[in-house]
Amino acid sequence: MKVSFDFDNTLSRKDVQEFAKQLVDEGHEVWIVTSRHDDETIASKNWHFAKDQNKVVFEVAKKCGIKVEHIKFTCMQSKSIFIKNKEFVFHLDDDTIELMDILESGDKCKPLNVDHINWLENCKELIK
């Protein structure tokens, strides 16, 4: 199964990292879909303040076993645009606007809020 995690305030959390690693170990296709700007955009705009800001994303991906090619920087575009029609089972995020965009897109991907008390159980139920 194909699943997606936001990074900031989601996959940056240790408990979410443990779950993502478990999913990778079970053979699921795990993605990071983040609103952050990619390194190429940062460099092209000469945003020196943002240099190396994505280093932590790549470090966490490696720790969890997530492939580099499964990291999508949406550069502040709605994540729903990337997720639509790509057969994700769920997307876990803390941003209610992003989650509503996914819901309203009509895609089969189930938007789940990491701040909900039952987020882990909800994720596990969807991948059964």
N, C-alpha and C. Protein backbone atom coordinates (compact mmCIF):
# COMPACT_ATOMS: atom_id res chain seq x y z
N MET A 1 0.84 -1.19 0.00
CA MET A 1 0.00 0.00 0.00
C MET A 1 0.88 1.24 0.00
N LYS A 2 0.34 2.30 -0.56
CA LYS A 2 1.06 3.56 -0.71
C LYS A 2 0.48 4.58 0.28
N VAL A 3 1.34 5.13 1.13
CA VAL A 3 0.91 6.08 2.15
C VAL A 3 1.81 7.31 2.14
N SER A 4 1.31 8.40 2.72
CA SER A 4 2.02 9.67 2.67
C SER A 4 2.00 10.35 4.03
N PHE A 5 3.13 10.97 4.35
CA PHE A 5 3.27 11.71 5.60
C PHE A 5 3.75 13.13 5.31
N ASP A 6 3.15 14.10 5.97
CA ASP A 6 3.70 15.45 6.02
C ASP A 6 4.99 15.36 6.84
N PHE A 7 5.84 16.39 6.74
CA PHE A 7 7.05 16.36 7.56
C PHE A 7 6.92 17.16 8.84
N ASP A 8 6.82 18.49 8.73
CA ASP A 8 6.84 19.34 9.92
C ASP A 8 5.64 19.06 10.83
N ASN A 9 5.93 18.81 12.08
CA ASN A 9 4.93 18.50 13.11
C ASN A 9 4.20 17.18 12.85
N THR A 10 4.72 16.38 11.94
CA THR A 10 4.15 15.05 11.69
C THR A 10 5.30 14.04 11.68
N LEU A 11 5.96 13.85 10.55
CA LEU A 11 7.06 12.89 10.51
C LEU A 11 8.28 13.38 11.29
N SER A 12 8.28 14.62 11.68
CA SER A 12 9.35 15.12 12.55
C SER A 12 9.20 14.56 13.97
N ARG A 13 8.03 14.00 14.29
CA ARG A 13 7.78 13.40 15.60
C ARG A 13 8.33 11.98 15.66
N LYS A 14 8.93 11.61 16.76
CA LYS A 14 9.54 10.28 16.93
C LYS A 14 8.51 9.16 16.81
N ASP A 15 7.31 9.35 17.38
CA ASP A 15 6.30 8.29 17.32
C ASP A 15 5.84 8.04 15.88
N VAL A 16 5.75 9.09 15.10
CA VAL A 16 5.34 8.95 13.70
C VAL A 16 6.48 8.31 12.90
N GLN A 17 7.72 8.67 13.22
CA GLN A 17 8.87 8.06 12.56
C GLN A 17 8.90 6.55 12.80
N GLU A 18 8.63 6.14 14.02
CA GLU A 18 8.60 4.70 14.34
C GLU A 18 7.55 3.98 13.52
N PHE A 19 6.37 4.61 13.38
CA PHE A 19 5.29 4.00 12.60
C PHE A 19 5.68 3.94 11.12
N ALA A 20 6.25 5.02 10.59
CA ALA A 20 6.66 5.04 9.18
C ALA A 20 7.69 3.96 8.90
N LYS A 21 8.67 3.80 9.80
CA LYS A 21 9.68 2.76 9.64
C LYS A 21 9.05 1.38 9.65
N GLN A 22 8.08 1.18 10.52
CA GLN A 22 7.36 -0.10 10.58
C GLN A 22 6.67 -0.39 9.24
N LEU A 23 6.05 0.63 8.68
CA LEU A 23 5.37 0.46 7.39
C LEU A 23 6.36 0.11 6.28
N VAL A 24 7.49 0.79 6.26
CA VAL A 24 8.54 0.49 5.28
C VAL A 24 9.00 -0.96 5.45
N ASP A 25 9.24 -1.36 6.69
CA ASP A 25 9.70 -2.73 6.97
C ASP A 25 8.67 -3.77 6.55
N GLU A 26 7.40 -3.40 6.58
CA GLU A 26 6.32 -4.31 6.17
C GLU A 26 6.14 -4.32 4.65
N GLY A 27 6.88 -3.47 3.94
CA GLY A 27 6.81 -3.46 2.48
C GLY A 27 5.89 -2.42 1.87
N HIS A 28 5.36 -1.53 2.69
CA HIS A 28 4.50 -0.47 2.15
C HIS A 28 5.35 0.60 1.48
N GLU A 29 4.76 1.31 0.53
CA GLU A 29 5.43 2.41 -0.16
C GLU A 29 5.14 3.69 0.61
N VAL A 30 6.14 4.20 1.29
CA VAL A 30 5.98 5.35 2.18
C VAL A 30 6.59 6.59 1.53
N TRP A 31 5.82 7.67 1.53
CA TRP A 31 6.23 8.95 0.93
C TRP A 31 6.23 10.05 1.97
N ILE A 32 7.07 11.04 1.75
CA ILE A 32 7.01 12.30 2.48
C ILE A 32 6.51 13.33 1.48
N VAL A 33 5.40 13.99 1.80
CA VAL A 33 4.87 15.06 0.97
C VAL A 33 4.80 16.30 1.85
N THR A 34 5.70 17.24 1.58
CA THR A 34 5.84 18.41 2.42
C THR A 34 5.66 19.69 1.62
N SER A 35 5.13 20.71 2.26
CA SER A 35 4.94 22.01 1.62
C SER A 35 6.24 22.78 1.46
N ARG A 36 7.30 22.31 2.08
CA ARG A 36 8.57 23.01 2.01
C ARG A 36 9.01 23.22 0.56
N HIS A 37 9.87 24.22 0.38
CA HIS A 37 10.51 24.44 -0.92
C HIS A 37 11.65 23.44 -1.07
N ASP A 38 11.87 22.97 -2.29
CA ASP A 38 12.99 22.06 -2.52
C ASP A 38 14.30 22.85 -2.56
N ASP A 39 15.41 22.12 -2.45
CA ASP A 39 16.73 22.75 -2.40
C ASP A 39 17.03 23.56 -3.66
N GLU A 40 16.55 23.06 -4.81
CA GLU A 40 16.79 23.76 -6.08
C GLU A 40 16.12 25.14 -6.07
N THR A 41 14.89 25.22 -5.60
CA THR A 41 14.18 26.50 -5.52
C THR A 41 14.88 27.44 -4.54
N ILE A 42 15.28 26.91 -3.41
CA ILE A 42 15.98 27.72 -2.41
C ILE A 42 17.25 28.32 -2.99
N ALA A 43 18.02 27.49 -3.70
CA ALA A 43 19.27 27.96 -4.31
C ALA A 43 19.00 28.99 -5.40
N SER A 44 17.98 28.75 -6.23
CA SER A 44 17.71 29.65 -7.34
C SER A 44 17.24 31.03 -6.88
N LYS A 45 16.66 31.08 -5.70
CA LYS A 45 16.18 32.36 -5.16
C LYS A 45 17.19 33.01 -4.22
N ASN A 46 18.35 32.34 -4.06
CA ASN A 46 19.39 32.84 -3.16
C ASN A 46 18.89 33.08 -1.74
N TRP A 47 18.06 32.17 -1.27
CA TRP A 47 17.56 32.27 0.10
C TRP A 47 18.60 31.66 1.04
N HIS A 48 19.63 32.41 1.36
CA HIS A 48 20.72 31.92 2.20
C HIS A 48 20.21 31.50 3.58
N PHE A 49 19.18 32.17 4.05
CA PHE A 49 18.62 31.84 5.37
C PHE A 49 18.04 30.44 5.40
N ALA A 50 17.68 29.92 4.23
CA ALA A 50 17.03 28.60 4.17
C ALA A 50 17.99 27.49 3.77
N LYS A 51 19.26 27.83 3.56
CA LYS A 51 20.25 26.83 3.15
C LYS A 51 20.28 25.69 4.17
N ASP A 52 20.29 24.51 3.66
CA ASP A 52 20.35 23.28 4.47
C ASP A 52 19.11 23.02 5.31
N GLN A 53 18.02 23.76 5.08
CA GLN A 53 16.82 23.54 5.89
C GLN A 53 16.22 22.15 5.66
N ASN A 54 16.46 21.56 4.50
CA ASN A 54 15.86 20.26 4.19
C ASN A 54 16.73 19.09 4.60
N LYS A 55 17.91 19.38 5.13
CA LYS A 55 18.82 18.31 5.56
C LYS A 55 18.12 17.35 6.52
N VAL A 56 17.36 17.89 7.44
CA VAL A 56 16.66 17.05 8.43
C VAL A 56 15.62 16.15 7.76
N VAL A 57 14.99 16.61 6.70
CA VAL A 57 14.00 15.79 5.99
C VAL A 57 14.69 14.54 5.43
N PHE A 58 15.84 14.74 4.79
CA PHE A 58 16.58 13.61 4.22
C PHE A 58 17.13 12.69 5.30
N GLU A 59 17.55 13.25 6.42
CA GLU A 59 18.05 12.43 7.53
C GLU A 59 16.95 11.54 8.10
N VAL A 60 15.77 12.11 8.31
CA VAL A 60 14.65 11.33 8.84
C VAL A 60 14.21 10.27 7.83
N ALA A 61 14.18 10.64 6.56
CA ALA A 61 13.82 9.67 5.52
C ALA A 61 14.76 8.47 5.56
N LYS A 62 16.05 8.75 5.64
CA LYS A 62 17.04 7.67 5.68
C LYS A 62 16.84 6.80 6.92
N LYS A 63 16.63 7.43 8.07
CA LYS A 63 16.41 6.72 9.32
C LYS A 63 15.19 5.79 9.24
N CYS A 64 14.15 6.25 8.54
CA CYS A 64 12.91 5.48 8.42
C CYS A 64 12.93 4.49 7.26
N GLY A 65 13.94 4.59 6.38
CA GLY A 65 14.00 3.71 5.23
C GLY A 65 13.19 4.21 4.04
N ILE A 66 12.83 5.48 4.06
CA ILE A 66 12.05 6.07 2.96
C ILE A 66 13.01 6.46 1.84
N LYS A 67 12.70 6.05 0.63
CA LYS A 67 13.55 6.33 -0.52
C LYS A 67 13.56 7.83 -0.84
N VAL A 68 14.71 8.33 -1.26
CA VAL A 68 14.84 9.75 -1.61
C VAL A 68 13.85 10.11 -2.72
N GLU A 69 13.63 9.21 -3.66
CA GLU A 69 12.69 9.50 -4.75
C GLU A 69 11.23 9.51 -4.28
N HIS A 70 11.01 9.17 -3.02
CA HIS A 70 9.66 9.23 -2.43
C HIS A 70 9.50 10.44 -1.52
N ILE A 71 10.30 11.48 -1.76
CA ILE A 71 10.15 12.75 -1.05
C ILE A 71 9.69 13.78 -2.05
N LYS A 72 8.56 14.41 -1.77
CA LYS A 72 8.01 15.43 -2.66
C LYS A 72 7.92 16.76 -1.91
N PHE A 73 8.63 17.75 -2.41
CA PHE A 73 8.53 19.12 -1.91
C PHE A 73 7.54 19.84 -2.81
N THR A 74 6.41 20.27 -2.25
CA THR A 74 5.37 20.88 -3.09
C THR A 74 5.59 22.38 -3.30
N CYS A 75 6.59 22.95 -2.65
CA CYS A 75 6.92 24.37 -2.81
C CYS A 75 5.70 25.25 -2.55
N MET A 76 5.00 24.95 -1.47
CA MET A 76 3.85 25.71 -0.97
C MET A 76 2.57 25.50 -1.78
N GLN A 77 2.57 24.61 -2.76
CA GLN A 77 1.33 24.27 -3.45
C GLN A 77 0.56 23.28 -2.58
N SER A 78 -0.74 23.23 -2.77
CA SER A 78 -1.55 22.27 -2.02
C SER A 78 -1.05 20.85 -2.28
N LYS A 79 -0.92 20.08 -1.22
CA LYS A 79 -0.48 18.69 -1.34
C LYS A 79 -1.48 17.85 -2.12
N SER A 80 -2.74 18.29 -2.12
CA SER A 80 -3.78 17.55 -2.84
C SER A 80 -3.47 17.45 -4.33
N ILE A 81 -2.79 18.44 -4.88
CA ILE A 81 -2.44 18.43 -6.31
C ILE A 81 -1.50 17.27 -6.61
N PHE A 82 -0.51 17.07 -5.75
CA PHE A 82 0.42 15.95 -5.95
C PHE A 82 -0.24 14.61 -5.66
N ILE A 83 -1.03 14.55 -4.61
CA ILE A 83 -1.60 13.28 -4.13
C ILE A 83 -2.68 12.74 -5.07
N LYS A 84 -3.44 13.62 -5.69
CA LYS A 84 -4.59 13.20 -6.50
C LYS A 84 -4.21 12.19 -7.59
N ASN A 85 -4.99 11.13 -7.64
CA ASN A 85 -4.88 10.07 -8.65
C ASN A 85 -3.56 9.29 -8.58
N LYS A 86 -2.95 9.26 -7.41
CA LYS A 86 -1.71 8.49 -7.26
C LYS A 86 -1.89 7.28 -6.34
N GLU A 87 -3.13 6.99 -5.97
CA GLU A 87 -3.48 5.78 -5.21
C GLU A 87 -2.89 5.71 -3.81
N PHE A 88 -2.77 6.87 -3.16
CA PHE A 88 -2.38 6.87 -1.75
C PHE A 88 -3.58 6.39 -0.92
N VAL A 89 -3.31 5.57 0.08
CA VAL A 89 -4.37 5.09 0.98
C VAL A 89 -4.70 6.17 2.00
N PHE A 90 -3.65 6.78 2.58
CA PHE A 90 -3.88 7.89 3.50
C PHE A 90 -2.74 8.89 3.41
N HIS A 91 -3.05 10.11 3.87
CA HIS A 91 -2.03 11.14 4.07
C HIS A 91 -2.20 11.64 5.49
N LEU A 92 -1.11 11.60 6.28
CA LEU A 92 -1.13 12.03 7.68
C LEU A 92 -0.47 13.40 7.77
N ASP A 93 -1.17 14.36 8.39
CA ASP A 93 -0.73 15.74 8.41
C ASP A 93 -1.29 16.42 9.65
N ASP A 94 -0.71 17.57 10.01
CA ASP A 94 -1.24 18.37 11.12
C ASP A 94 -1.98 19.61 10.62
N ASP A 95 -1.94 19.86 9.32
CA ASP A 95 -2.51 21.07 8.73
C ASP A 95 -3.93 20.78 8.24
N THR A 96 -4.91 21.35 8.93
CA THR A 96 -6.31 21.07 8.57
C THR A 96 -6.67 21.59 7.19
N ILE A 97 -6.04 22.66 6.74
CA ILE A 97 -6.33 23.16 5.39
C ILE A 97 -5.86 22.16 4.35
N GLU A 98 -4.67 21.61 4.52
CA GLU A 98 -4.17 20.58 3.60
C GLU A 98 -5.09 19.36 3.62
N LEU A 99 -5.50 18.95 4.80
CA LEU A 99 -6.38 17.79 4.92
C LEU A 99 -7.73 18.03 4.25
N MET A 100 -8.27 19.23 4.43
CA MET A 100 -9.54 19.57 3.77
C MET A 100 -9.39 19.60 2.25
N ASP A 101 -8.27 20.13 1.77
CA ASP A 101 -8.02 20.15 0.32
C ASP A 101 -8.03 18.73 -0.25
N ILE A 102 -7.40 17.80 0.45
CA ILE A 102 -7.37 16.40 0.00
C ILE A 102 -8.78 15.83 0.01
N LEU A 103 -9.51 16.07 1.07
CA LEU A 103 -10.89 15.58 1.18
C LEU A 103 -11.75 16.15 0.05
N GLU A 104 -11.65 17.44 -0.17
CA GLU A 104 -12.48 18.11 -1.17
C GLU A 104 -12.06 17.79 -2.61
N SER A 105 -10.85 17.24 -2.80
CA SER A 105 -10.39 16.89 -4.14
C SER A 105 -11.16 15.71 -4.72
N GLY A 106 -11.82 14.96 -3.85
CA GLY A 106 -12.57 13.79 -4.30
C GLY A 106 -11.69 12.56 -4.50
N ASP A 107 -10.42 12.66 -4.17
CA ASP A 107 -9.51 11.53 -4.32
C ASP A 107 -9.83 10.47 -3.26
N LYS A 108 -9.42 9.25 -3.52
CA LYS A 108 -9.66 8.15 -2.58
C LYS A 108 -8.75 8.20 -1.36
N CYS A 109 -7.68 9.00 -1.42
CA CYS A 109 -6.77 9.14 -0.29
C CYS A 109 -7.51 9.67 0.93
N LYS A 110 -7.34 9.00 2.05
CA LYS A 110 -8.01 9.41 3.29
C LYS A 110 -7.10 10.38 4.04
N PRO A 111 -7.55 11.63 4.24
CA PRO A 111 -6.76 12.59 5.01
C PRO A 111 -6.93 12.33 6.51
N LEU A 112 -5.81 12.19 7.22
CA LEU A 112 -5.86 11.91 8.65
C LEU A 112 -5.04 12.95 9.41
N ASN A 113 -5.57 13.38 10.55
CA ASN A 113 -4.91 14.41 11.35
C ASN A 113 -4.07 13.76 12.44
N VAL A 114 -2.78 14.07 12.43
CA VAL A 114 -1.85 13.50 13.41
C VAL A 114 -2.15 14.00 14.82
N ASP A 115 -2.87 15.10 14.94
CA ASP A 115 -3.22 15.63 16.26
C ASP A 115 -4.45 14.94 16.86
N HIS A 116 -5.11 14.09 16.07
CA HIS A 116 -6.26 13.33 16.57
C HIS A 116 -5.75 12.22 17.47
N ILE A 117 -6.41 11.99 18.58
CA ILE A 117 -5.96 11.01 19.57
C ILE A 117 -5.83 9.60 18.98
N ASN A 118 -6.64 9.25 17.99
CA ASN A 118 -6.62 7.90 17.42
C ASN A 118 -5.93 7.83 16.06
N TRP A 119 -4.99 8.75 15.78
CA TRP A 119 -4.38 8.77 14.45
C TRP A 119 -3.74 7.43 14.10
N LEU A 120 -3.03 6.82 15.04
CA LEU A 120 -2.32 5.58 14.76
C LEU A 120 -3.30 4.44 14.44
N GLU A 121 -4.32 4.31 15.24
CA GLU A 121 -5.32 3.28 15.01
C GLU A 121 -6.02 3.48 13.67
N ASN A 122 -6.32 4.75 13.34
CA ASN A 122 -6.97 5.05 12.06
C ASN A 122 -6.08 4.67 10.88
N CYS A 123 -4.78 4.97 10.98
CA CYS A 123 -3.84 4.59 9.92
C CYS A 123 -3.78 3.07 9.76
N LYS A 124 -3.64 2.39 10.87
CA LYS A 124 -3.54 0.92 10.84
C LYS A 124 -4.79 0.29 10.26
N GLU A 125 -5.93 0.84 10.59
CA GLU A 125 -7.21 0.31 10.08
C GLU A 125 -7.27 0.44 8.55
N LEU A 126 -6.78 1.52 8.04
CA LEU A 126 -6.83 1.75 6.58
C LEU A 126 -5.90 0.84 5.80
N ILE A 127 -4.82 0.39 6.41
CA ILE A 127 -3.88 -0.46 5.66
C ILE A 127 -4.12 -1.95 5.88
N LYS A 128 -5.15 -2.30 6.63
CA LYS A 128 -5.48 -3.72 6.82
C LYS A 128 -5.93 -4.34 5.52
